[in-house]
Amino acid sequence: MTPLTAVETYLRDFHQRQVGVTSAAFAHLPARSASTRYASSYAVLTDLVLTDLVPLSNMPLTVLDLACGDGYLLGLLAARAPATLHLTGIDMSEAELAVARATLPPSVRLQCCRGQALDLPSASVDYLVSHMALMLMDDIEQVVREMRRVLRPGGQVAAIVGRTFLLGEVNDVFMRVFNAIASVALPPLRFGDRRAGSEAGWRELLDGAFAHVAFDDIDVPWTPTPNELWAALTDTYDIDRLDDDARQRLRSAFLDAVAHLLTGDGVIVTGWGLRLVRARAV
């Protein structure tokens, strides 16, 4: 395997230490678009795959989960998909894949490799899904080339990526206190390509290899207590990278800064802002 970049090395180490952290954060929170409510952001992708492929269920079809983590999305698909749907998961964390192997049916194929070099035959995938991973990947142009290579002509992509960090006023509050501390305490490490943070950027990345590019804003509303919110934030990459002293200073500053946002029930109205990206291979 090609040597990992600095970002990939950190992400692999994080997911060795924090196995299942992504599904723990998102699997049990409802999600919504402008027109539809879902059981979770994972369910957004599950529903799309089943809606698009079940009418073709008399044919053998392959779904690839790129950066599958602990296999939560594959588990949802395996529980509802017809037997003709072949499921494959790719991840670069052996620790996450170990959990996936222990929980998924043996028919689900799992591989350890990078998104920039998928160990799959060309034109072998009918539907590619990814949950909260593509916007983190280095050399995203090569990832897109690999996505197109393994997809059959007309094959579909549906990916959940980040859109905004926190929903509502609390996002501005957090960014203000975080940036003041991170500017002096956080070693530089850029996650992903800036184009993966906007619709225009995704159109540029997918142009030529994919058509029918479409987007949906997906909100994951949540009303945590301040301490519940802080606990969730400690499982995010940049806060994880702070040393203990900087993390404690951030906690104190953040909890003070959000005190005015508490409702009468002692919670904060917020959540996670996501984006659904869809496209079809040409």
C-alpha atoms as a PDB file:
ATOM      1  CA  MET A   1       0.000   0.000   0.000  1.00  0.00           C
ATOM      2  CA  THR A   2       1.216   3.522  -0.806  1.00  0.00           C
ATOM      3  CA  PRO A   3       2.635   5.238   2.313  1.00  0.00           C
ATOM      4  CA  LEU A   4      -0.008   7.198   4.165  1.00  0.00           C
ATOM      5  CA  THR A   5       0.014  10.985   4.183  1.00  0.00           C
ATOM      6  CA  ALA A   6       0.199  12.893   7.464  1.00  0.00           C
ATOM      7  CA  VAL A   7      -3.573  13.347   7.470  1.00  0.00           C
ATOM      8  CA  GLU A   8      -4.203   9.681   6.698  1.00  0.00           C
ATOM      9  CA  THR A   9      -1.789   8.613   9.419  1.00  0.00           C
ATOM     10  CA  TYR A  10      -3.633  10.765  11.949  1.00  0.00           C
ATOM     11  CA  LEU A  11      -7.067   9.536  10.814  1.00  0.00           C
ATOM     12  CA  ARG A  12      -5.987   5.908  10.981  1.00  0.00           C
ATOM     13  CA  ASP A  13      -4.592   6.449  14.486  1.00  0.00           C
ATOM     14  CA  PHE A  14      -7.754   8.260  15.592  1.00  0.00           C
ATOM     15  CA  HIS A  15      -9.984   5.450  14.374  1.00  0.00           C
ATOM     16  CA  GLN A  16      -7.753   2.867  16.037  1.00  0.00           C
ATOM     17  CA  ARG A  17      -8.416   4.674  19.321  1.00  0.00           C
ATOM     18  CA  GLN A  18     -12.009   5.711  18.684  1.00  0.00           C
ATOM     19  CA  VAL A  19     -13.581   2.794  16.857  1.00  0.00           C
ATOM     20  CA  GLY A  20     -17.196   3.430  15.881  1.00  0.00           C
ATOM     21  CA  VAL A  21     -17.119   7.103  16.829  1.00  0.00           C
ATOM     22  CA  THR A  22     -18.838   8.224  13.609  1.00  0.00           C
ATOM     23  CA  SER A  23     -21.780   5.869  13.932  1.00  0.00           C
ATOM     24  CA  ALA A  24     -22.032   6.699  17.639  1.00  0.00           C
ATOM     25  CA  ALA A  25     -22.411  10.374  16.700  1.00  0.00           C
ATOM     26  CA  PHE A  26     -24.889  10.030  13.837  1.00  0.00           C
ATOM     27  CA  ALA A  27     -26.703   6.690  13.906  1.00  0.00           C
ATOM     28  CA  HIS A  28     -29.255   7.584  16.569  1.00  0.00           C
ATOM     29  CA  LEU A  29     -30.058  11.177  15.621  1.00  0.00           C
ATOM     30  CA  PRO A  30     -32.901  11.837  13.150  1.00  0.00           C
ATOM     31  CA  ALA A  31     -32.084  13.729   9.973  1.00  0.00           C
ATOM     32  CA  ARG A  32     -34.163  15.836   7.602  1.00  0.00           C
ATOM     33  CA  SER A  33     -34.021  17.501   4.226  1.00  0.00           C
ATOM     34  CA  ALA A  34     -36.365  20.244   3.079  1.00  0.00           C
ATOM     35  CA  SER A  35     -38.968  17.643   2.114  1.00  0.00           C
ATOM     36  CA  THR A  36     -38.195  14.382   3.934  1.00  0.00           C
ATOM     37  CA  ARG A  37     -37.494  13.124   7.420  1.00  0.00           C
ATOM     38  CA  TYR A  38     -35.168  10.175   8.007  1.00  0.00           C
ATOM     39  CA  ALA A  39     -34.280   7.953  10.936  1.00  0.00           C
ATOM     40  CA  SER A  40     -30.651   9.122  10.583  1.00  0.00           C
ATOM     41  CA  SER A  41     -28.158  10.443   8.049  1.00  0.00           C
ATOM     42  CA  TYR A  42     -27.225   6.807   7.383  1.00  0.00           C
ATOM     43  CA  ALA A  43     -30.859   6.137   6.547  1.00  0.00           C
ATOM     44  CA  VAL A  44     -30.690   8.836   3.865  1.00  0.00           C
ATOM     45  CA  LEU A  45     -28.201   6.691   1.955  1.00  0.00           C
ATOM     46  CA  THR A  46     -29.930   3.404   2.745  1.00  0.00           C
ATOM     47  CA  ASP A  47     -33.259   4.678   1.429  1.00  0.00           C
ATOM     48  CA  LEU A  48     -31.656   5.978  -1.763  1.00  0.00           C
ATOM     49  CA  VAL A  49     -29.915   2.691  -2.512  1.00  0.00           C
ATOM     50  CA  LEU A  50     -33.006   0.609  -1.908  1.00  0.00           C
ATOM     51  CA  THR A  51     -35.303   2.963  -3.812  1.00  0.00           C
ATOM     52  CA  ASP A  52     -32.984   3.050  -6.824  1.00  0.00           C
ATOM     53  CA  LEU A  53     -31.919  -0.601  -6.906  1.00  0.00           C
ATOM     54  CA  VAL A  54     -34.842  -2.670  -5.595  1.00  0.00           C
ATOM     55  CA  PRO A  55     -36.763  -2.298  -8.901  1.00  0.00           C
ATOM     56  CA  LEU A  56     -33.732  -4.080 -10.415  1.00  0.00           C
ATOM     57  CA  SER A  57     -33.601  -6.706  -7.667  1.00  0.00           C
ATOM     58  CA  ASN A  58     -33.876  -9.596 -10.125  1.00  0.00           C
ATOM     59  CA  MET A  59     -30.332  -8.719 -11.223  1.00  0.00           C
ATOM     60  CA  PRO A  60     -27.083  -9.172  -9.236  1.00  0.00           C
ATOM     61  CA  LEU A  61     -25.925  -5.691  -8.220  1.00  0.00           C
ATOM     62  CA  THR A  62     -22.960  -4.437  -6.201  1.00  0.00           C
ATOM     63  CA  VAL A  63     -22.953  -1.610  -3.638  1.00  0.00           C
ATOM     64  CA  LEU A  64     -19.655  -0.198  -2.376  1.00  0.00           C
ATOM     65  CA  ASP A  65     -19.429   1.704   0.914  1.00  0.00           C
ATOM     66  CA  LEU A  66     -16.282   3.834   0.607  1.00  0.00           C
ATOM     67  CA  ALA A  67     -14.746   4.460   4.053  1.00  0.00           C
ATOM     68  CA  CYS A  68     -17.257   2.135   5.691  1.00  0.00           C
ATOM     69  CA  GLY A  69     -15.842   2.456   9.214  1.00  0.00           C
ATOM     70  CA  ASP A  70     -17.440  -0.012  11.620  1.00  0.00           C
ATOM     71  CA  GLY A  71     -19.939  -1.093   8.956  1.00  0.00           C
ATOM     72  CA  TYR A  72     -23.038   0.586  10.353  1.00  0.00           C
ATOM     73  CA  LEU A  73     -24.377   1.621   6.913  1.00  0.00           C
ATOM     74  CA  LEU A  74     -23.602  -1.805   5.468  1.00  0.00           C
ATOM     75  CA  GLY A  75     -25.548  -3.330   8.340  1.00  0.00           C
ATOM     76  CA  LEU A  76     -28.620  -1.265   7.505  1.00  0.00           C
ATOM     77  CA  LEU A  77     -28.365  -2.306   3.873  1.00  0.00           C
ATOM     78  CA  ALA A  78     -27.795  -5.973   4.711  1.00  0.00           C
ATOM     79  CA  ALA A  79     -30.902  -6.020   6.911  1.00  0.00           C
ATOM     80  CA  ARG A  80     -33.176  -4.697   4.155  1.00  0.00           C
ATOM     81  CA  ALA A  81     -31.555  -5.547   0.823  1.00  0.00           C
ATOM     82  CA  PRO A  82     -32.562  -8.423  -1.443  1.00  0.00           C
ATOM     83  CA  ALA A  83     -30.188 -11.363  -1.698  1.00  0.00           C
ATOM     84  CA  THR A  84     -29.100 -10.246  -5.171  1.00  0.00           C
ATOM     85  CA  LEU A  85     -27.464  -7.133  -3.719  1.00  0.00           C
ATOM     86  CA  HIS A  86     -23.762  -7.722  -3.076  1.00  0.00           C
ATOM     87  CA  LEU A  87     -22.256  -5.456  -0.420  1.00  0.00           C
ATOM     88  CA  THR A  88     -18.610  -4.377  -0.199  1.00  0.00           C
ATOM     89  CA  GLY A  89     -16.936  -2.092   2.333  1.00  0.00           C
ATOM     90  CA  ILE A  90     -13.582  -0.337   2.013  1.00  0.00           C
ATOM     91  CA  ASP A  91     -11.716   1.363   4.851  1.00  0.00           C
ATOM     92  CA  MET A  92      -8.085   2.055   5.782  1.00  0.00           C
ATOM     93  CA  SER A  93      -8.629   1.344   9.507  1.00  0.00           C
ATOM     94  CA  GLU A  94      -8.156  -2.314  10.432  1.00  0.00           C
ATOM     95  CA  ALA A  95      -9.682  -1.602  13.845  1.00  0.00           C
ATOM     96  CA  GLU A  96     -12.919  -0.331  12.302  1.00  0.00           C
ATOM     97  CA  LEU A  97     -12.979  -3.240   9.850  1.00  0.00           C
ATOM     98  CA  ALA A  98     -12.511  -5.715  12.706  1.00  0.00           C
ATOM     99  CA  VAL A  99     -15.719  -4.452  14.291  1.00  0.00           C
ATOM    100  CA  ALA A 100     -17.465  -4.603  10.927  1.00  0.00           C
ATOM    101  CA  ARG A 101     -16.330  -8.215  10.386  1.00  0.00           C
ATOM    102  CA  ALA A 102     -17.639  -9.188  13.804  1.00  0.00           C
ATOM    103  CA  THR A 103     -21.081  -7.680  13.278  1.00  0.00           C
ATOM    104  CA  LEU A 104     -21.901  -7.989   9.570  1.00  0.00           C
ATOM    105  CA  PRO A 105     -23.094 -11.085   7.716  1.00  0.00           C
ATOM    106  CA  PRO A 106     -20.234 -13.102   6.197  1.00  0.00           C
ATOM    107  CA  SER A 107     -21.578 -12.319   2.721  1.00  0.00           C
ATOM    108  CA  VAL A 108     -20.412  -8.683   3.097  1.00  0.00           C
ATOM    109  CA  ARG A 109     -16.958  -8.272   1.566  1.00  0.00           C
ATOM    110  CA  LEU A 110     -14.558  -6.022   3.511  1.00  0.00           C
ATOM    111  CA  GLN A 111     -11.167  -4.716   2.385  1.00  0.00           C
ATOM    112  CA  CYS A 112      -8.472  -2.490   3.866  1.00  0.00           C
ATOM    113  CA  CYS A 113      -7.280   0.030   1.289  1.00  0.00           C
ATOM    114  CA  ARG A 114      -7.245   3.752   0.482  1.00  0.00           C
ATOM    115  CA  GLY A 115      -9.833   5.595  -1.557  1.00  0.00           C
ATOM    116  CA  GLN A 116      -7.086   6.675  -3.951  1.00  0.00           C
ATOM    117  CA  ALA A 117      -6.310   3.042  -4.883  1.00  0.00           C
ATOM    118  CA  LEU A 118      -9.409   0.871  -4.631  1.00  0.00           C
ATOM    119  CA  ASP A 119      -8.649  -2.839  -4.833  1.00  0.00           C
ATOM    120  CA  LEU A 120     -11.650  -3.540  -7.056  1.00  0.00           C
ATOM    121  CA  PRO A 121     -12.033  -4.357 -10.749  1.00  0.00           C
ATOM    122  CA  SER A 122     -13.005  -1.587 -13.120  1.00  0.00           C
ATOM    123  CA  ALA A 123     -16.724  -1.240 -13.871  1.00  0.00           C
ATOM    124  CA  SER A 124     -17.661  -3.650 -11.066  1.00  0.00           C
ATOM    125  CA  VAL A 125     -19.862  -1.411  -8.864  1.00  0.00           C
ATOM    126  CA  ASP A 126     -23.444  -0.295  -9.476  1.00  0.00           C
ATOM    127  CA  TYR A 127     -23.859   2.077  -6.527  1.00  0.00           C
ATOM    128  CA  LEU A 128     -21.195   3.818  -4.421  1.00  0.00           C
ATOM    129  CA  VAL A 129     -22.098   5.323  -1.056  1.00  0.00           C
ATOM    130  CA  SER A 130     -20.013   7.141   1.526  1.00  0.00           C
ATOM    131  CA  HIS A 131     -20.889   8.689   4.885  1.00  0.00           C
ATOM    132  CA  MET A 132     -18.879  11.607   6.325  1.00  0.00           C
ATOM    133  CA  ALA A 133     -15.571  10.687   4.700  1.00  0.00           C
ATOM    134  CA  LEU A 134     -15.006  12.101   1.210  1.00  0.00           C
ATOM    135  CA  MET A 135     -14.451  15.656   2.434  1.00  0.00           C
ATOM    136  CA  LEU A 136     -11.519  14.407   4.566  1.00  0.00           C
ATOM    137  CA  MET A 137      -9.591  12.605   1.842  1.00  0.00           C
ATOM    138  CA  ASP A 138      -6.278  13.723   0.414  1.00  0.00           C
ATOM    139  CA  ASP A 139      -5.883  13.872  -3.372  1.00  0.00           C
ATOM    140  CA  ILE A 140      -9.640  13.978  -3.877  1.00  0.00           C
ATOM    141  CA  GLU A 141      -9.184  14.162  -7.642  1.00  0.00           C
ATOM    142  CA  GLN A 142      -7.600  10.694  -7.584  1.00  0.00           C
ATOM    143  CA  VAL A 143     -10.397   9.464  -5.314  1.00  0.00           C
ATOM    144  CA  VAL A 144     -12.950  10.691  -7.856  1.00  0.00           C
ATOM    145  CA  ARG A 145     -11.031   8.955 -10.667  1.00  0.00           C
ATOM    146  CA  GLU A 146     -11.095   5.714  -8.690  1.00  0.00           C
ATOM    147  CA  MET A 147     -14.796   6.122  -7.975  1.00  0.00           C
ATOM    148  CA  ARG A 148     -15.468   6.505 -11.673  1.00  0.00           C
ATOM    149  CA  ARG A 149     -13.167   3.609 -12.570  1.00  0.00           C
ATOM    150  CA  VAL A 150     -14.932   1.069 -10.353  1.00  0.00           C
ATOM    151  CA  LEU A 151     -18.439   2.258 -11.263  1.00  0.00           C
ATOM    152  CA  ARG A 152     -20.184   0.853 -14.283  1.00  0.00           C
ATOM    153  CA  PRO A 153     -21.390   3.428 -16.828  1.00  0.00           C
ATOM    154  CA  GLY A 154     -24.616   4.785 -15.383  1.00  0.00           C
ATOM    155  CA  GLY A 155     -23.602   3.709 -11.879  1.00  0.00           C
ATOM    156  CA  GLN A 156     -24.597   6.062  -9.102  1.00  0.00           C
ATOM    157  CA  VAL A 157     -22.840   7.887  -6.265  1.00  0.00           C
ATOM    158  CA  ALA A 158     -24.563   9.106  -3.109  1.00  0.00           C
ATOM    159  CA  ALA A 159     -22.397  10.621  -0.383  1.00  0.00           C
ATOM    160  CA  ILE A 160     -23.057  12.437   2.872  1.00  0.00           C
ATOM    161  CA  VAL A 161     -20.389  15.080   3.516  1.00  0.00           C
ATOM    162  CA  GLY A 162     -20.018  17.997   5.909  1.00  0.00           C
ATOM    163  CA  ARG A 163     -21.766  21.277   5.133  1.00  0.00           C
ATOM    164  CA  THR A 164     -21.413  23.295   8.327  1.00  0.00           C
ATOM    165  CA  PHE A 165     -20.069  22.225  11.680  1.00  0.00           C
ATOM    166  CA  LEU A 166     -22.836  23.041  14.163  1.00  0.00           C
ATOM    167  CA  LEU A 167     -26.297  24.354  13.367  1.00  0.00           C
ATOM    168  CA  GLY A 168     -27.441  27.713  14.651  1.00  0.00           C
ATOM    169  CA  GLU A 169     -25.765  30.458  16.647  1.00  0.00           C
ATOM    170  CA  VAL A 170     -23.703  27.983  18.655  1.00  0.00           C
ATOM    171  CA  ASN A 171     -21.545  27.377  15.563  1.00  0.00           C
ATOM    172  CA  ASP A 172     -20.335  30.992  15.529  1.00  0.00           C
ATOM    173  CA  VAL A 173     -19.762  30.904  19.282  1.00  0.00           C
ATOM    174  CA  PHE A 174     -17.744  27.715  19.065  1.00  0.00           C
ATOM    175  CA  MET A 175     -15.646  28.884  16.124  1.00  0.00           C
ATOM    176  CA  ARG A 176     -14.789  32.123  17.887  1.00  0.00           C
ATOM    177  CA  VAL A 177     -13.488  30.476  21.053  1.00  0.00           C
ATOM    178  CA  PHE A 178     -11.934  27.535  19.189  1.00  0.00           C
ATOM    179  CA  ASN A 179      -9.984  29.704  16.747  1.00  0.00           C
ATOM    180  CA  ALA A 180      -8.594  31.856  19.560  1.00  0.00           C
ATOM    181  CA  ILE A 181      -7.057  28.779  21.193  1.00  0.00           C
ATOM    182  CA  ALA A 182      -6.261  26.716  18.092  1.00  0.00           C
ATOM    183  CA  SER A 183      -4.358  29.547  16.438  1.00  0.00           C
ATOM    184  CA  VAL A 184      -1.543  29.083  18.963  1.00  0.00           C
ATOM    185  CA  ALA A 185      -2.085  25.538  20.266  1.00  0.00           C
ATOM    186  CA  LEU A 186      -2.973  23.395  17.246  1.00  0.00           C
ATOM    187  CA  PRO A 187      -0.281  22.104  14.861  1.00  0.00           C
ATOM    188  CA  PRO A 188      -1.218  22.675  11.203  1.00  0.00           C
ATOM    189  CA  LEU A 189      -2.933  19.717   9.506  1.00  0.00           C
ATOM    190  CA  ARG A 190      -5.332  20.313   6.639  1.00  0.00           C
ATOM    191  CA  PHE A 191      -8.089  17.754   6.222  1.00  0.00           C
ATOM    192  CA  GLY A 192      -9.264  17.222   2.664  1.00  0.00           C
ATOM    193  CA  ASP A 193      -9.681  19.565  -0.279  1.00  0.00           C
ATOM    194  CA  ARG A 194     -11.423  22.931   0.130  1.00  0.00           C
ATOM    195  CA  ARG A 195     -13.584  22.117  -2.915  1.00  0.00           C
ATOM    196  CA  ALA A 196     -15.253  19.321  -0.974  1.00  0.00           C
ATOM    197  CA  GLY A 197     -16.848  21.990   1.232  1.00  0.00           C
ATOM    198  CA  SER A 198     -19.091  23.593  -1.392  1.00  0.00           C
ATOM    199  CA  GLU A 199     -21.548  22.653  -4.120  1.00  0.00           C
ATOM    200  CA  ALA A 200     -19.492  24.568  -6.691  1.00  0.00           C
ATOM    201  CA  GLY A 201     -16.393  22.664  -5.629  1.00  0.00           C
ATOM    202  CA  TRP A 202     -18.119  19.304  -5.979  1.00  0.00           C
ATOM    203  CA  ARG A 203     -19.378  20.244  -9.434  1.00  0.00           C
ATOM    204  CA  GLU A 204     -15.805  21.040 -10.410  1.00  0.00           C
ATOM    205  CA  LEU A 205     -14.480  17.776  -8.988  1.00  0.00           C
ATOM    206  CA  LEU A 206     -17.136  15.613 -10.637  1.00  0.00           C
ATOM    207  CA  ASP A 207     -17.214  17.431 -13.970  1.00  0.00           C
ATOM    208  CA  GLY A 208     -16.471  15.221 -16.953  1.00  0.00           C
ATOM    209  CA  ALA A 209     -16.677  11.853 -15.222  1.00  0.00           C
ATOM    210  CA  PHE A 210     -20.136  12.286 -13.684  1.00  0.00           C
ATOM    211  CA  ALA A 211     -23.427  13.842 -14.762  1.00  0.00           C
ATOM    212  CA  HIS A 212     -26.752  14.676 -13.093  1.00  0.00           C
ATOM    213  CA  VAL A 213     -24.927  16.143 -10.086  1.00  0.00           C
ATOM    214  CA  ALA A 214     -27.423  17.141  -7.408  1.00  0.00           C
ATOM    215  CA  PHE A 215     -27.339  18.280  -3.797  1.00  0.00           C
ATOM    216  CA  ASP A 216     -29.575  18.297  -0.756  1.00  0.00           C
ATOM    217  CA  ASP A 217     -28.984  20.013   2.575  1.00  0.00           C
ATOM    218  CA  ILE A 218     -29.360  17.469   5.369  1.00  0.00           C
ATOM    219  CA  ASP A 219     -29.807  18.771   8.906  1.00  0.00           C
ATOM    220  CA  VAL A 220     -29.299  16.588  11.969  1.00  0.00           C
ATOM    221  CA  PRO A 221     -31.037  18.558  14.733  1.00  0.00           C
ATOM    222  CA  TRP A 222     -30.036  17.947  18.321  1.00  0.00           C
ATOM    223  CA  THR A 223     -30.789  19.551  21.695  1.00  0.00           C
ATOM    224  CA  PRO A 224     -27.956  18.496  24.025  1.00  0.00           C
ATOM    225  CA  THR A 225     -27.036  19.887  27.395  1.00  0.00           C
ATOM    226  CA  PRO A 226     -23.794  21.875  27.317  1.00  0.00           C
ATOM    227  CA  ASN A 227     -21.879  18.952  28.787  1.00  0.00           C
ATOM    228  CA  GLU A 228     -23.388  16.512  26.271  1.00  0.00           C
ATOM    229  CA  LEU A 229     -22.399  18.833  23.455  1.00  0.00           C
ATOM    230  CA  TRP A 230     -18.874  19.197  24.801  1.00  0.00           C
ATOM    231  CA  ALA A 231     -18.531  15.408  25.102  1.00  0.00           C
ATOM    232  CA  ALA A 232     -19.505  15.070  21.427  1.00  0.00           C
ATOM    233  CA  LEU A 233     -17.067  17.793  20.399  1.00  0.00           C
ATOM    234  CA  THR A 234     -14.163  15.997  22.080  1.00  0.00           C
ATOM    235  CA  ASP A 235     -14.656  13.198  19.545  1.00  0.00           C
ATOM    236  CA  THR A 236     -13.969  15.560  16.627  1.00  0.00           C
ATOM    237  CA  TYR A 237     -10.572  15.594  14.979  1.00  0.00           C
ATOM    238  CA  ASP A 238      -9.273  19.068  15.783  1.00  0.00           C
ATOM    239  CA  ILE A 239     -10.256  18.974  19.441  1.00  0.00           C
ATOM    240  CA  ASP A 240      -8.746  15.506  19.718  1.00  0.00           C
ATOM    241  CA  ARG A 241      -5.477  16.986  18.419  1.00  0.00           C
ATOM    242  CA  LEU A 242      -5.255  19.630  21.166  1.00  0.00           C
ATOM    243  CA  ASP A 243      -3.057  18.913  24.162  1.00  0.00           C
ATOM    244  CA  ASP A 244      -4.759  18.466  27.530  1.00  0.00           C
ATOM    245  CA  ASP A 245      -4.156  22.029  28.691  1.00  0.00           C
ATOM    246  CA  ALA A 246      -5.518  23.603  25.517  1.00  0.00           C
ATOM    247  CA  ARG A 247      -8.511  21.257  25.574  1.00  0.00           C
ATOM    248  CA  GLN A 248      -9.392  22.230  29.121  1.00  0.00           C
ATOM    249  CA  ARG A 249      -9.055  25.933  28.304  1.00  0.00           C
ATOM    250  CA  LEU A 250     -11.326  25.430  25.306  1.00  0.00           C
ATOM    251  CA  ARG A 251     -13.894  23.579  27.407  1.00  0.00           C
ATOM    252  CA  SER A 252     -14.045  26.344  29.985  1.00  0.00           C
ATOM    253  CA  ALA A 253     -14.228  29.125  27.396  1.00  0.00           C
ATOM    254  CA  PHE A 254     -16.840  27.312  25.325  1.00  0.00           C
ATOM    255  CA  LEU A 255     -19.161  26.464  28.209  1.00  0.00           C
ATOM    256  CA  ASP A 256     -19.007  30.074  29.398  1.00  0.00           C
ATOM    257  CA  ALA A 257     -19.667  31.406  25.898  1.00  0.00           C
ATOM    258  CA  VAL A 258     -22.747  29.228  25.245  1.00  0.00           C
ATOM    259  CA  ALA A 259     -24.425  29.872  28.596  1.00  0.00           C
ATOM    260  CA  HIS A 260     -26.662  32.557  27.076  1.00  0.00           C
ATOM    261  CA  LEU A 261     -27.949  30.061  24.478  1.00  0.00           C
ATOM    262  CA  LEU A 262     -29.489  27.696  27.027  1.00  0.00           C
ATOM    263  CA  THR A 263     -33.237  27.199  26.770  1.00  0.00           C
ATOM    264  CA  GLY A 264     -35.465  27.034  29.808  1.00  0.00           C
ATOM    265  CA  ASP A 265     -34.919  23.269  29.771  1.00  0.00           C
ATOM    266  CA  GLY A 266     -31.166  23.711  30.051  1.00  0.00           C
ATOM    267  CA  VAL A 267     -30.359  22.524  26.541  1.00  0.00           C
ATOM    268  CA  ILE A 268     -28.891  24.088  23.396  1.00  0.00           C
ATOM    269  CA  VAL A 269     -30.750  24.019  20.097  1.00  0.00           C
ATOM    270  CA  THR A 270     -28.167  22.914  17.543  1.00  0.00           C
ATOM    271  CA  GLY A 271     -27.137  19.865  15.504  1.00  0.00           C
ATOM    272  CA  TRP A 272     -24.897  18.977  12.563  1.00  0.00           C
ATOM    273  CA  GLY A 273     -25.137  20.449   9.069  1.00  0.00           C
ATOM    274  CA  LEU A 274     -24.572  17.875   6.307  1.00  0.00           C
ATOM    275  CA  ARG A 275     -24.822  17.778   2.517  1.00  0.00           C
ATOM    276  CA  LEU A 276     -26.007  14.964   0.265  1.00  0.00           C
ATOM    277  CA  VAL A 277     -24.075  14.764  -3.015  1.00  0.00           C
ATOM    278  CA  ARG A 278     -25.505  12.617  -5.830  1.00  0.00           C
ATOM    279  CA  ALA A 279     -24.203  11.927  -9.322  1.00  0.00           C
ATOM    280  CA  ARG A 280     -24.238   9.349 -12.102  1.00  0.00           C
ATOM    281  CA  ALA A 281     -21.176   7.973 -13.902  1.00  0.00           C
ATOM    282  CA  VAL A 282     -21.015   8.848 -17.606  1.00  0.00           C
END
